[in-house]
Amino acid sequence: RGSPARTGLCGPFTVRAQDQGGPSCDQAFQNRVLPSVVYAAHNGSSSLSVIDTTSRTEVARIPLPGEPAGVAVSPDGGRVYVTLAGRISLGDGLPLQGADNRVVVIDSLTNSVMQTITVGLGPTKVAVSPDSRYAYVANSLDASVSMIEAASGAVVRTEYVNWGPAGIAVTPDGKRVVVATFDFVEILNAATLSAQGVQYVGGSGRATD
């Protein structure tokens, strides 16, 4: 109960738990309150807009070290992953010459860049596991998927797939990664990135979001 909390760290609070007739235990914790926002990537101006969904206004503009393509927010709300792919073609949605190969991780509370991570060439889309522990990046120009460990910011696995991966998603149970490539949808094991299946769909498949 009480007034709505402002964005930021609230607390510390102390909670006392006690079994009937047993000893009590105090536990201190803090609660991180995040704003209700959406993020918009600006390919061509190397920036990311933070838009407040209540007021429908841009509340921040984050400069980026390259041209963004895809954005994903971790389910716990703490991190924003932005792929830097270089300038994107309006025709096929793929990076042009001079493509980039980085992902930036942004702290959602401070709107500042926490990490810059090197992945494959032309990363277009990114998806995050339900437990927020891993991010998966579709690298469109070298036909690969990069698996990033959130805690360390390290690329822990890379798996090659069919040409032109431009869409990626994680299943709700966190066990599989679904990748849309040219004419195929591929299923990878989320823990190992090993192939679990492929389906021909035709039509140069794109979005799995």
C-alpha atoms as a PDB file:
ATOM      1  CA  ARG A   1       0.000   0.000   0.000  1.00  0.00           C
ATOM      2  CA  GLY A   2       1.000   3.609  -0.310  1.00  0.00           C
ATOM      3  CA  SER A   3       1.892   6.044  -3.061  1.00  0.00           C
ATOM      4  CA  PRO A   4       3.364   4.792  -6.356  1.00  0.00           C
ATOM      5  CA  ALA A   5       7.142   4.552  -6.143  1.00  0.00           C
ATOM      6  CA  ARG A   6       9.380   6.642  -8.338  1.00  0.00           C
ATOM      7  CA  THR A   7      11.705   4.987 -10.785  1.00  0.00           C
ATOM      8  CA  GLY A   8      14.892   3.874  -9.052  1.00  0.00           C
ATOM      9  CA  LEU A   9      15.989   1.881  -6.028  1.00  0.00           C
ATOM     10  CA  CYS A  10      13.504   1.733  -3.162  1.00  0.00           C
ATOM     11  CA  GLY A  11      14.492   0.566   0.243  1.00  0.00           C
ATOM     12  CA  PRO A  12      16.304  -1.042   1.880  1.00  0.00           C
ATOM     13  CA  PHE A  13      13.416  -2.830   3.552  1.00  0.00           C
ATOM     14  CA  THR A  14      13.604  -5.386   6.339  1.00  0.00           C
ATOM     15  CA  VAL A  15      11.271  -8.373   6.459  1.00  0.00           C
ATOM     16  CA  ARG A  16      11.004 -10.547   9.551  1.00  0.00           C
ATOM     17  CA  ALA A  17       9.887 -14.154   9.109  1.00  0.00           C
ATOM     18  CA  GLN A  18       9.180 -16.549  11.971  1.00  0.00           C
ATOM     19  CA  ASP A  19       7.864 -20.090  12.112  1.00  0.00           C
ATOM     20  CA  GLN A  20       5.316 -20.663  14.814  1.00  0.00           C
ATOM     21  CA  GLY A  21       7.279 -21.291  17.985  1.00  0.00           C
ATOM     22  CA  GLY A  22      10.608 -21.012  16.145  1.00  0.00           C
ATOM     23  CA  PRO A  23      13.352 -18.389  15.851  1.00  0.00           C
ATOM     24  CA  SER A  24      12.805 -15.309  13.677  1.00  0.00           C
ATOM     25  CA  CYS A  25      14.919 -14.276  10.715  1.00  0.00           C
ATOM     26  CA  ASP A  26      15.396 -10.750   9.342  1.00  0.00           C
ATOM     27  CA  GLN A  27      16.037 -10.283   5.649  1.00  0.00           C
ATOM     28  CA  ALA A  28      16.958  -6.935   4.079  1.00  0.00           C
ATOM     29  CA  PHE A  29      16.321  -6.232   0.411  1.00  0.00           C
ATOM     30  CA  GLN A  30      15.910  -3.452  -2.126  1.00  0.00           C
ATOM     31  CA  ASN A  31      13.345  -3.179  -4.864  1.00  0.00           C
ATOM     32  CA  ARG A  32      14.201  -1.745  -8.275  1.00  0.00           C
ATOM     33  CA  VAL A  33      11.261   0.104  -9.809  1.00  0.00           C
ATOM     34  CA  LEU A  34      11.486   0.525 -13.575  1.00  0.00           C
ATOM     35  CA  PRO A  35       9.569   2.956 -15.774  1.00  0.00           C
ATOM     36  CA  SER A  36       6.942   1.855 -18.295  1.00  0.00           C
ATOM     37  CA  VAL A  37       8.695   2.656 -21.556  1.00  0.00           C
ATOM     38  CA  VAL A  38       9.299   1.442 -25.083  1.00  0.00           C
ATOM     39  CA  TYR A  39      12.520   1.756 -27.065  1.00  0.00           C
ATOM     40  CA  ALA A  40      12.857   2.855 -30.690  1.00  0.00           C
ATOM     41  CA  ALA A  41      16.071   2.368 -32.657  1.00  0.00           C
ATOM     42  CA  HIS A  42      17.035   5.048 -35.186  1.00  0.00           C
ATOM     43  CA  ASN A  43      19.055   3.532 -38.004  1.00  0.00           C
ATOM     44  CA  GLY A  44      20.748   6.478 -39.656  1.00  0.00           C
ATOM     45  CA  SER A  45      21.245   8.653 -36.580  1.00  0.00           C
ATOM     46  CA  SER A  46      23.010   6.167 -34.241  1.00  0.00           C
ATOM     47  CA  SER A  47      20.590   6.624 -31.372  1.00  0.00           C
ATOM     48  CA  LEU A  48      17.866   4.986 -29.305  1.00  0.00           C
ATOM     49  CA  SER A  49      14.714   6.745 -28.120  1.00  0.00           C
ATOM     50  CA  VAL A  50      13.157   6.007 -24.740  1.00  0.00           C
ATOM     51  CA  ILE A  51       9.417   6.702 -24.913  1.00  0.00           C
ATOM     52  CA  ASP A  52       7.195   6.964 -21.856  1.00  0.00           C
ATOM     53  CA  THR A  53       4.041   4.942 -22.548  1.00  0.00           C
ATOM     54  CA  THR A  54       1.897   7.018 -20.176  1.00  0.00           C
ATOM     55  CA  SER A  55       2.704  10.474 -21.525  1.00  0.00           C
ATOM     56  CA  ARG A  56       3.592   9.154 -25.022  1.00  0.00           C
ATOM     57  CA  THR A  57       6.622  11.404 -25.120  1.00  0.00           C
ATOM     58  CA  GLU A  58      10.314  10.812 -25.672  1.00  0.00           C
ATOM     59  CA  VAL A  59      11.967  11.072 -22.267  1.00  0.00           C
ATOM     60  CA  ALA A  60      15.533  10.263 -23.334  1.00  0.00           C
ATOM     61  CA  ARG A  61      17.672   9.890 -26.459  1.00  0.00           C
ATOM     62  CA  ILE A  62      20.630   7.538 -25.974  1.00  0.00           C
ATOM     63  CA  PRO A  63      23.614   8.007 -28.323  1.00  0.00           C
ATOM     64  CA  LEU A  64      24.995   4.748 -29.690  1.00  0.00           C
ATOM     65  CA  PRO A  65      28.460   3.911 -31.087  1.00  0.00           C
ATOM     66  CA  GLY A  66      26.943   2.639 -34.346  1.00  0.00           C
ATOM     67  CA  GLU A  67      23.762   2.213 -36.378  1.00  0.00           C
ATOM     68  CA  PRO A  68      21.122   0.141 -34.515  1.00  0.00           C
ATOM     69  CA  ALA A  69      18.901  -2.546 -36.016  1.00  0.00           C
ATOM     70  CA  GLY A  70      17.203  -4.697 -33.351  1.00  0.00           C
ATOM     71  CA  VAL A  71      16.169  -4.072 -29.742  1.00  0.00           C
ATOM     72  CA  ALA A  72      15.169  -6.458 -26.960  1.00  0.00           C
ATOM     73  CA  VAL A  73      14.522  -5.854 -23.257  1.00  0.00           C
ATOM     74  CA  SER A  74      15.387  -8.565 -20.750  1.00  0.00           C
ATOM     75  CA  PRO A  75      12.289  -9.970 -18.992  1.00  0.00           C
ATOM     76  CA  ASP A  76      13.592  -8.735 -15.634  1.00  0.00           C
ATOM     77  CA  GLY A  77      13.663  -5.214 -17.111  1.00  0.00           C
ATOM     78  CA  GLY A  78      17.274  -4.546 -16.190  1.00  0.00           C
ATOM     79  CA  ARG A  79      18.998  -4.608 -19.587  1.00  0.00           C
ATOM     80  CA  VAL A  80      18.251  -3.387 -23.087  1.00  0.00           C
ATOM     81  CA  TYR A  81      20.112  -5.165 -25.900  1.00  0.00           C
ATOM     82  CA  VAL A  82      20.644  -3.231 -29.123  1.00  0.00           C
ATOM     83  CA  THR A  83      22.266  -4.767 -32.203  1.00  0.00           C
ATOM     84  CA  LEU A  84      24.581  -2.526 -34.233  1.00  0.00           C
ATOM     85  CA  ALA A  85      24.385  -3.763 -37.809  1.00  0.00           C
ATOM     86  CA  GLY A  86      25.402  -0.716 -39.819  1.00  0.00           C
ATOM     87  CA  ARG A  87      23.127   1.074 -42.297  1.00  0.00           C
ATOM     88  CA  ILE A  88      20.112  -1.053 -43.206  1.00  0.00           C
ATOM     89  CA  SER A  89      18.817  -1.476 -46.758  1.00  0.00           C
ATOM     90  CA  LEU A  90      15.208  -0.362 -47.184  1.00  0.00           C
ATOM     91  CA  GLY A  91      14.786  -3.055 -49.791  1.00  0.00           C
ATOM     92  CA  ASP A  92      15.534  -6.275 -47.920  1.00  0.00           C
ATOM     93  CA  GLY A  93      16.155  -5.061 -44.368  1.00  0.00           C
ATOM     94  CA  LEU A  94      19.733  -6.338 -44.359  1.00  0.00           C
ATOM     95  CA  PRO A  95      22.910  -4.371 -43.604  1.00  0.00           C
ATOM     96  CA  LEU A  96      24.687  -2.590 -46.441  1.00  0.00           C
ATOM     97  CA  GLN A  97      28.433  -2.570 -47.088  1.00  0.00           C
ATOM     98  CA  GLY A  98      30.499  -1.567 -44.076  1.00  0.00           C
ATOM     99  CA  ALA A  99      28.325  -3.639 -41.747  1.00  0.00           C
ATOM    100  CA  ASP A 100      28.948  -3.601 -38.005  1.00  0.00           C
ATOM    101  CA  ASN A 101      29.372  -6.573 -35.655  1.00  0.00           C
ATOM    102  CA  ARG A 102      28.465  -5.336 -32.174  1.00  0.00           C
ATOM    103  CA  VAL A 103      25.728  -5.438 -29.539  1.00  0.00           C
ATOM    104  CA  VAL A 104      25.436  -2.753 -26.901  1.00  0.00           C
ATOM    105  CA  VAL A 105      23.869  -3.428 -23.507  1.00  0.00           C
ATOM    106  CA  ILE A 106      22.080  -0.506 -21.872  1.00  0.00           C
ATOM    107  CA  ASP A 107      21.176  -0.132 -18.200  1.00  0.00           C
ATOM    108  CA  SER A 108      17.439   0.567 -18.245  1.00  0.00           C
ATOM    109  CA  LEU A 109      17.591   2.584 -15.024  1.00  0.00           C
ATOM    110  CA  THR A 110      20.343   5.012 -16.036  1.00  0.00           C
ATOM    111  CA  ASN A 111      19.938   4.842 -19.848  1.00  0.00           C
ATOM    112  CA  SER A 112      23.700   4.415 -20.132  1.00  0.00           C
ATOM    113  CA  VAL A 113      25.733   1.883 -22.134  1.00  0.00           C
ATOM    114  CA  MET A 114      27.001  -0.870 -19.826  1.00  0.00           C
ATOM    115  CA  GLN A 115      28.823  -3.053 -22.346  1.00  0.00           C
ATOM    116  CA  THR A 116      29.750  -3.311 -26.002  1.00  0.00           C
ATOM    117  CA  ILE A 117      30.020  -6.911 -27.204  1.00  0.00           C
ATOM    118  CA  THR A 118      31.518  -8.188 -30.464  1.00  0.00           C
ATOM    119  CA  VAL A 119      29.342 -10.781 -32.223  1.00  0.00           C
ATOM    120  CA  GLY A 120      29.007 -11.935 -35.832  1.00  0.00           C
ATOM    121  CA  LEU A 121      28.766  -9.687 -38.876  1.00  0.00           C
ATOM    122  CA  GLY A 122      25.536  -7.769 -39.482  1.00  0.00           C
ATOM    123  CA  PRO A 123      23.569  -8.528 -36.284  1.00  0.00           C
ATOM    124  CA  THR A 124      19.959  -7.626 -37.005  1.00  0.00           C
ATOM    125  CA  LYS A 125      17.737  -9.130 -34.308  1.00  0.00           C
ATOM    126  CA  VAL A 126      18.179 -10.160 -30.677  1.00  0.00           C
ATOM    127  CA  ALA A 127      16.048 -12.146 -28.230  1.00  0.00           C
ATOM    128  CA  VAL A 128      16.465 -12.771 -24.489  1.00  0.00           C
ATOM    129  CA  SER A 129      15.771 -15.939 -22.518  1.00  0.00           C
ATOM    130  CA  PRO A 130      12.800 -15.899 -20.099  1.00  0.00           C
ATOM    131  CA  ASP A 131      15.147 -15.988 -17.096  1.00  0.00           C
ATOM    132  CA  SER A 132      17.171 -13.039 -18.515  1.00  0.00           C
ATOM    133  CA  ARG A 133      20.415 -15.044 -18.299  1.00  0.00           C
ATOM    134  CA  TYR A 134      21.174 -15.191 -22.020  1.00  0.00           C
ATOM    135  CA  ALA A 135      20.685 -13.129 -25.154  1.00  0.00           C
ATOM    136  CA  TYR A 136      20.668 -14.636 -28.649  1.00  0.00           C
ATOM    137  CA  VAL A 137      21.726 -12.613 -31.675  1.00  0.00           C
ATOM    138  CA  ALA A 138      20.965 -13.311 -35.348  1.00  0.00           C
ATOM    139  CA  ASN A 139      24.011 -12.319 -37.424  1.00  0.00           C
ATOM    140  CA  SER A 140      22.640 -11.898 -40.928  1.00  0.00           C
ATOM    141  CA  LEU A 141      25.850 -11.506 -42.930  1.00  0.00           C
ATOM    142  CA  ASP A 142      27.833 -14.471 -41.626  1.00  0.00           C
ATOM    143  CA  ALA A 143      24.902 -16.850 -41.134  1.00  0.00           C
ATOM    144  CA  SER A 144      25.369 -17.401 -37.417  1.00  0.00           C
ATOM    145  CA  VAL A 145      23.719 -17.074 -34.013  1.00  0.00           C
ATOM    146  CA  SER A 146      25.664 -15.718 -31.022  1.00  0.00           C
ATOM    147  CA  MET A 147      24.760 -16.652 -27.439  1.00  0.00           C
ATOM    148  CA  ILE A 148      25.640 -13.958 -24.886  1.00  0.00           C
ATOM    149  CA  GLU A 149      25.829 -14.609 -21.149  1.00  0.00           C
ATOM    150  CA  ALA A 150      24.221 -11.616 -19.444  1.00  0.00           C
ATOM    151  CA  ALA A 151      26.262 -11.768 -16.243  1.00  0.00           C
ATOM    152  CA  SER A 152      29.653 -11.623 -17.966  1.00  0.00           C
ATOM    153  CA  GLY A 153      28.785 -10.057 -21.304  1.00  0.00           C
ATOM    154  CA  ALA A 154      30.752 -12.824 -23.014  1.00  0.00           C
ATOM    155  CA  VAL A 155      29.788 -14.673 -26.176  1.00  0.00           C
ATOM    156  CA  VAL A 156      29.722 -18.219 -24.857  1.00  0.00           C
ATOM    157  CA  ARG A 157      28.591 -20.018 -28.018  1.00  0.00           C
ATOM    158  CA  THR A 158      28.267 -19.439 -31.745  1.00  0.00           C
ATOM    159  CA  GLU A 159      26.339 -21.666 -34.137  1.00  0.00           C
ATOM    160  CA  TYR A 160      26.177 -21.383 -37.925  1.00  0.00           C
ATOM    161  CA  VAL A 161      22.776 -21.607 -39.585  1.00  0.00           C
ATOM    162  CA  ASN A 162      21.351 -21.169 -43.089  1.00  0.00           C
ATOM    163  CA  TRP A 163      22.031 -17.936 -44.946  1.00  0.00           C
ATOM    164  CA  GLY A 164      20.557 -14.616 -43.856  1.00  0.00           C
ATOM    165  CA  PRO A 165      19.197 -15.113 -40.320  1.00  0.00           C
ATOM    166  CA  ALA A 166      17.030 -12.029 -39.782  1.00  0.00           C
ATOM    167  CA  GLY A 167      14.547 -13.104 -37.121  1.00  0.00           C
ATOM    168  CA  ILE A 168      15.019 -14.810 -33.760  1.00  0.00           C
ATOM    169  CA  ALA A 169      12.905 -15.724 -30.731  1.00  0.00           C
ATOM    170  CA  VAL A 170      13.124 -17.864 -27.594  1.00  0.00           C
ATOM    171  CA  THR A 171      10.275 -20.206 -26.697  1.00  0.00           C
ATOM    172  CA  PRO A 172       8.373 -19.358 -23.475  1.00  0.00           C
ATOM    173  CA  ASP A 173       9.887 -22.355 -21.665  1.00  0.00           C
ATOM    174  CA  GLY A 174      13.392 -21.110 -22.536  1.00  0.00           C
ATOM    175  CA  LYS A 175      14.414 -24.441 -24.079  1.00  0.00           C
ATOM    176  CA  ARG A 176      14.565 -23.556 -27.769  1.00  0.00           C
ATOM    177  CA  VAL A 177      15.696 -20.726 -30.012  1.00  0.00           C
ATOM    178  CA  VAL A 178      13.749 -20.227 -33.236  1.00  0.00           C
ATOM    179  CA  VAL A 179      15.645 -18.617 -36.126  1.00  0.00           C
ATOM    180  CA  ALA A 180      14.147 -17.360 -39.391  1.00  0.00           C
ATOM    181  CA  THR A 181      16.590 -17.572 -42.319  1.00  0.00           C
ATOM    182  CA  PHE A 182      16.103 -17.343 -46.080  1.00  0.00           C
ATOM    183  CA  ASP A 183      13.415 -19.947 -46.869  1.00  0.00           C
ATOM    184  CA  PHE A 184      13.871 -21.859 -43.583  1.00  0.00           C
ATOM    185  CA  VAL A 185      12.916 -21.794 -39.916  1.00  0.00           C
ATOM    186  CA  GLU A 186      15.505 -23.475 -37.723  1.00  0.00           C
ATOM    187  CA  ILE A 187      15.160 -24.761 -34.155  1.00  0.00           C
ATOM    188  CA  LEU A 188      18.198 -24.674 -31.856  1.00  0.00           C
ATOM    189  CA  ASN A 189      18.727 -26.010 -28.355  1.00  0.00           C
ATOM    190  CA  ALA A 190      18.855 -22.881 -26.162  1.00  0.00           C
ATOM    191  CA  ALA A 191      21.543 -24.287 -23.861  1.00  0.00           C
ATOM    192  CA  THR A 192      23.950 -25.605 -26.512  1.00  0.00           C
ATOM    193  CA  LEU A 193      22.796 -23.988 -29.794  1.00  0.00           C
ATOM    194  CA  SER A 194      22.834 -27.462 -31.345  1.00  0.00           C
ATOM    195  CA  ALA A 195      20.385 -27.949 -34.213  1.00  0.00           C
ATOM    196  CA  GLN A 196      17.101 -29.629 -33.303  1.00  0.00           C
ATOM    197  CA  GLY A 197      15.173 -29.229 -36.512  1.00  0.00           C
ATOM    198  CA  VAL A 198      14.660 -27.255 -39.701  1.00  0.00           C
ATOM    199  CA  GLN A 199      11.539 -26.503 -41.720  1.00  0.00           C
ATOM    200  CA  TYR A 200      11.383 -25.183 -45.265  1.00  0.00           C
ATOM    201  CA  VAL A 201       8.859 -22.344 -45.468  1.00  0.00           C
ATOM    202  CA  GLY A 202       9.887 -20.479 -48.632  1.00  0.00           C
ATOM    203  CA  GLY A 203       9.520 -16.787 -49.268  1.00  0.00           C
ATOM    204  CA  SER A 204      12.745 -15.703 -47.554  1.00  0.00           C
ATOM    205  CA  GLY A 205      11.522 -15.987 -43.971  1.00  0.00           C
ATOM    206  CA  ARG A 206      12.062 -12.990 -41.713  1.00  0.00           C
ATOM    207  CA  ALA A 207      10.295 -12.289 -38.460  1.00  0.00           C
ATOM    208  CA  THR A 208       9.822 -14.764 -35.637  1.00  0.00           C
ATOM    209  CA  ASP A 209       9.062 -12.045 -33.073  1.00  0.00           C
END
